[in-house]
Amino acid sequence: MCGIAGFAGLRDDKLLKQFSQQLKHRGPDGEGFYRDQRVSLLSRRLAIIDVKGGNQPIYNESKSAVVVYNGEIYNYRELPLKSSYTDTTNGATNALTDSTACSESHSTISKRSGS
């Protein structure tokens, strides 16, 4: 289990923190936030895979893409991840943030298997 939530069109850090507290039962092992002037996202984590390194949000190498994700990519080890930046975690979310995966999104996304 994990939990994600967010909203677009405003920035309200207090409201985002309230959302996080409401989802704590779904992800007791950690929380992460992404905020800018247009969108606010949060992730509550139940650590199963990559317990020490899989906190979210996760960014690509250039910080031009960010992912807050709740699901599993079962075949993430088989996907063409060529960026050295993927060494930062051992979790499946790198399959969505890796610079190679982002630039080849149609082929990579169509090859992923999961929820």
C-alpha atoms as a PDB file:
ATOM      1  CA  MET A   1       0.000   0.000   0.000  1.00  0.00           C
ATOM      2  CA  CYS A   2       1.162   3.594  -0.440  1.00  0.00           C
ATOM      3  CA  GLY A   3      -0.643   6.843  -0.938  1.00  0.00           C
ATOM      4  CA  ILE A   4      -0.405   9.802  -3.256  1.00  0.00           C
ATOM      5  CA  ALA A   5      -2.363  13.022  -3.370  1.00  0.00           C
ATOM      6  CA  GLY A   6      -2.094  16.507  -4.724  1.00  0.00           C
ATOM      7  CA  PHE A   7      -3.773  19.416  -6.361  1.00  0.00           C
ATOM      8  CA  ALA A   8      -3.161  21.873  -9.164  1.00  0.00           C
ATOM      9  CA  GLY A   9      -3.780  25.564  -9.541  1.00  0.00           C
ATOM     10  CA  LEU A  10      -2.518  26.727  -6.171  1.00  0.00           C
ATOM     11  CA  ARG A  11       0.135  26.201  -3.561  1.00  0.00           C
ATOM     12  CA  ASP A  12      -1.064  25.450  -0.057  1.00  0.00           C
ATOM     13  CA  ASP A  13       1.613  23.750   2.056  1.00  0.00           C
ATOM     14  CA  LYS A  14      -0.645  23.466   5.105  1.00  0.00           C
ATOM     15  CA  LEU A  15      -3.372  21.678   3.126  1.00  0.00           C
ATOM     16  CA  LEU A  16      -0.814  19.347   1.554  1.00  0.00           C
ATOM     17  CA  LYS A  17       0.509  18.423   4.999  1.00  0.00           C
ATOM     18  CA  GLN A  18      -3.076  17.726   6.145  1.00  0.00           C
ATOM     19  CA  PHE A  19      -3.531  15.399   3.157  1.00  0.00           C
ATOM     20  CA  SER A  20      -0.331  13.632   4.154  1.00  0.00           C
ATOM     21  CA  GLN A  21      -1.525  13.086   7.709  1.00  0.00           C
ATOM     22  CA  GLN A  22      -4.795  11.629   6.399  1.00  0.00           C
ATOM     23  CA  LEU A  23      -2.811   9.127   4.270  1.00  0.00           C
ATOM     24  CA  LYS A  24      -0.296   8.154   6.946  1.00  0.00           C
ATOM     25  CA  HIS A  25      -1.965   4.776   7.487  1.00  0.00           C
ATOM     26  CA  ARG A  26      -1.307   3.930   3.813  1.00  0.00           C
ATOM     27  CA  GLY A  27       2.368   4.848   3.950  1.00  0.00           C
ATOM     28  CA  PRO A  28       3.815   4.846   7.446  1.00  0.00           C
ATOM     29  CA  ASP A  29       7.468   4.561   6.344  1.00  0.00           C
ATOM     30  CA  GLY A  30       7.949   7.967   4.781  1.00  0.00           C
ATOM     31  CA  GLU A  31       6.546  11.027   3.130  1.00  0.00           C
ATOM     32  CA  GLY A  32       7.749  13.234   0.318  1.00  0.00           C
ATOM     33  CA  PHE A  33       6.546  16.442  -1.272  1.00  0.00           C
ATOM     34  CA  TYR A  34       6.874  18.284  -4.557  1.00  0.00           C
ATOM     35  CA  ARG A  35       5.669  21.868  -4.692  1.00  0.00           C
ATOM     36  CA  ASP A  36       5.817  24.682  -7.178  1.00  0.00           C
ATOM     37  CA  GLN A  37       3.452  27.548  -7.952  1.00  0.00           C
ATOM     38  CA  ARG A  38       1.191  25.381 -10.151  1.00  0.00           C
ATOM     39  CA  VAL A  39       1.064  21.974  -8.515  1.00  0.00           C
ATOM     40  CA  SER A  40       1.480  20.342  -5.102  1.00  0.00           C
ATOM     41  CA  LEU A  41       2.076  16.588  -4.795  1.00  0.00           C
ATOM     42  CA  LEU A  42       2.741  14.228  -1.936  1.00  0.00           C
ATOM     43  CA  SER A  43       3.696  10.624  -1.512  1.00  0.00           C
ATOM     44  CA  ARG A  44       3.278   8.406   1.545  1.00  0.00           C
ATOM     45  CA  ARG A  45       5.473   5.326   1.411  1.00  0.00           C
ATOM     46  CA  LEU A  46       5.196   1.769   2.599  1.00  0.00           C
ATOM     47  CA  ALA A  47       8.788   0.622   2.039  1.00  0.00           C
ATOM     48  CA  ILE A  48       8.974  -2.834   0.463  1.00  0.00           C
ATOM     49  CA  ILE A  49      11.440  -2.578  -2.449  1.00  0.00           C
ATOM     50  CA  ASP A  50      14.581  -0.454  -2.055  1.00  0.00           C
ATOM     51  CA  VAL A  51      13.764   0.290   1.566  1.00  0.00           C
ATOM     52  CA  LYS A  52      16.624   2.787   2.045  1.00  0.00           C
ATOM     53  CA  GLY A  53      16.652   4.532  -1.331  1.00  0.00           C
ATOM     54  CA  GLY A  54      13.160   4.532  -2.782  1.00  0.00           C
ATOM     55  CA  ASN A  55      11.730   7.705  -1.287  1.00  0.00           C
ATOM     56  CA  GLN A  56       9.643   9.919  -3.547  1.00  0.00           C
ATOM     57  CA  PRO A  57       9.359  12.214  -5.323  1.00  0.00           C
ATOM     58  CA  ILE A  58      12.078  11.032  -7.689  1.00  0.00           C
ATOM     59  CA  TYR A  59      13.592  13.339 -10.301  1.00  0.00           C
ATOM     60  CA  ASN A  60      15.365  12.632 -13.538  1.00  0.00           C
ATOM     61  CA  GLU A  61      19.021  13.600 -13.832  1.00  0.00           C
ATOM     62  CA  SER A  62      18.356  17.133 -15.107  1.00  0.00           C
ATOM     63  CA  LYS A  63      15.513  17.716 -12.618  1.00  0.00           C
ATOM     64  CA  SER A  64      13.216  18.498 -15.567  1.00  0.00           C
ATOM     65  CA  ALA A  65      10.825  15.651 -14.690  1.00  0.00           C
ATOM     66  CA  VAL A  66       9.474  14.560 -11.330  1.00  0.00           C
ATOM     67  CA  VAL A  67       7.446  11.465 -10.444  1.00  0.00           C
ATOM     68  CA  VAL A  68       5.141  10.777  -7.538  1.00  0.00           C
ATOM     69  CA  TYR A  69       3.957   7.272  -8.209  1.00  0.00           C
ATOM     70  CA  ASN A  70       1.838   4.593  -6.578  1.00  0.00           C
ATOM     71  CA  GLY A  71       2.097   1.272  -8.308  1.00  0.00           C
ATOM     72  CA  GLU A  72       4.588  -1.311  -9.416  1.00  0.00           C
ATOM     73  CA  ILE A  73       6.522  -1.889 -12.597  1.00  0.00           C
ATOM     74  CA  TYR A  74       7.123  -5.626 -12.448  1.00  0.00           C
ATOM     75  CA  ASN A  75       9.726  -5.748 -15.210  1.00  0.00           C
ATOM     76  CA  TYR A  76      11.637  -2.574 -14.315  1.00  0.00           C
ATOM     77  CA  ARG A  77      14.968  -4.428 -14.251  1.00  0.00           C
ATOM     78  CA  GLU A  78      14.482  -5.394 -17.911  1.00  0.00           C
ATOM     79  CA  LEU A  79      13.815  -1.863 -19.210  1.00  0.00           C
ATOM     80  CA  PRO A  80      16.542   0.039 -21.112  1.00  0.00           C
ATOM     81  CA  LEU A  81      17.843   2.271 -18.336  1.00  0.00           C
ATOM     82  CA  LYS A  82      21.198   3.625 -19.443  1.00  0.00           C
ATOM     83  CA  SER A  83      21.633   6.729 -17.316  1.00  0.00           C
ATOM     84  CA  SER A  84      24.228   6.610 -14.552  1.00  0.00           C
ATOM     85  CA  TYR A  85      21.741   8.599 -12.482  1.00  0.00           C
ATOM     86  CA  THR A  86      19.649   5.446 -11.990  1.00  0.00           C
ATOM     87  CA  ASP A  87      22.244   4.258  -9.487  1.00  0.00           C
ATOM     88  CA  THR A  88      20.641   6.517  -6.865  1.00  0.00           C
ATOM     89  CA  THR A  89      17.868   4.008  -6.119  1.00  0.00           C
ATOM     90  CA  ASN A  90      17.090   0.380  -6.850  1.00  0.00           C
ATOM     91  CA  GLY A  91      13.340   0.872  -7.177  1.00  0.00           C
ATOM     92  CA  ALA A  92      10.983   0.697 -10.116  1.00  0.00           C
ATOM     93  CA  THR A  93      10.283   4.429 -10.283  1.00  0.00           C
ATOM     94  CA  ASN A  94      13.600   5.020 -12.021  1.00  0.00           C
ATOM     95  CA  ALA A  95      12.020   3.354 -15.046  1.00  0.00           C
ATOM     96  CA  LEU A  96       9.841   6.468 -15.292  1.00  0.00           C
ATOM     97  CA  THR A  97      12.492   9.076 -14.500  1.00  0.00           C
ATOM     98  CA  ASP A  98      15.577   7.724 -16.224  1.00  0.00           C
ATOM     99  CA  SER A  99      16.673  10.107 -18.979  1.00  0.00           C
ATOM    100  CA  THR A 100      16.773   7.279 -21.516  1.00  0.00           C
ATOM    101  CA  ALA A 101      13.288   6.166 -20.576  1.00  0.00           C
ATOM    102  CA  CYS A 102      11.983   9.736 -20.794  1.00  0.00           C
ATOM    103  CA  SER A 103      13.500  10.317 -24.226  1.00  0.00           C
ATOM    104  CA  GLU A 104      12.238   6.978 -25.500  1.00  0.00           C
ATOM    105  CA  SER A 105       8.975   7.137 -23.607  1.00  0.00           C
ATOM    106  CA  HIS A 106       6.776   5.439 -26.189  1.00  0.00           C
ATOM    107  CA  SER A 107       8.972   2.367 -26.484  1.00  0.00           C
ATOM    108  CA  THR A 108       9.789   2.193 -22.774  1.00  0.00           C
ATOM    109  CA  ILE A 109       6.262   2.780 -21.506  1.00  0.00           C
ATOM    110  CA  SER A 110       4.835   0.239 -23.926  1.00  0.00           C
ATOM    111  CA  LYS A 111       7.343  -2.351 -22.624  1.00  0.00           C
ATOM    112  CA  ARG A 112       6.589  -1.873 -18.940  1.00  0.00           C
ATOM    113  CA  SER A 113       4.482  -4.424 -17.127  1.00  0.00           C
ATOM    114  CA  GLY A 114       2.608  -3.556 -13.980  1.00  0.00           C
ATOM    115  CA  SER A 115      -0.035  -1.398 -12.432  1.00  0.00           C
END
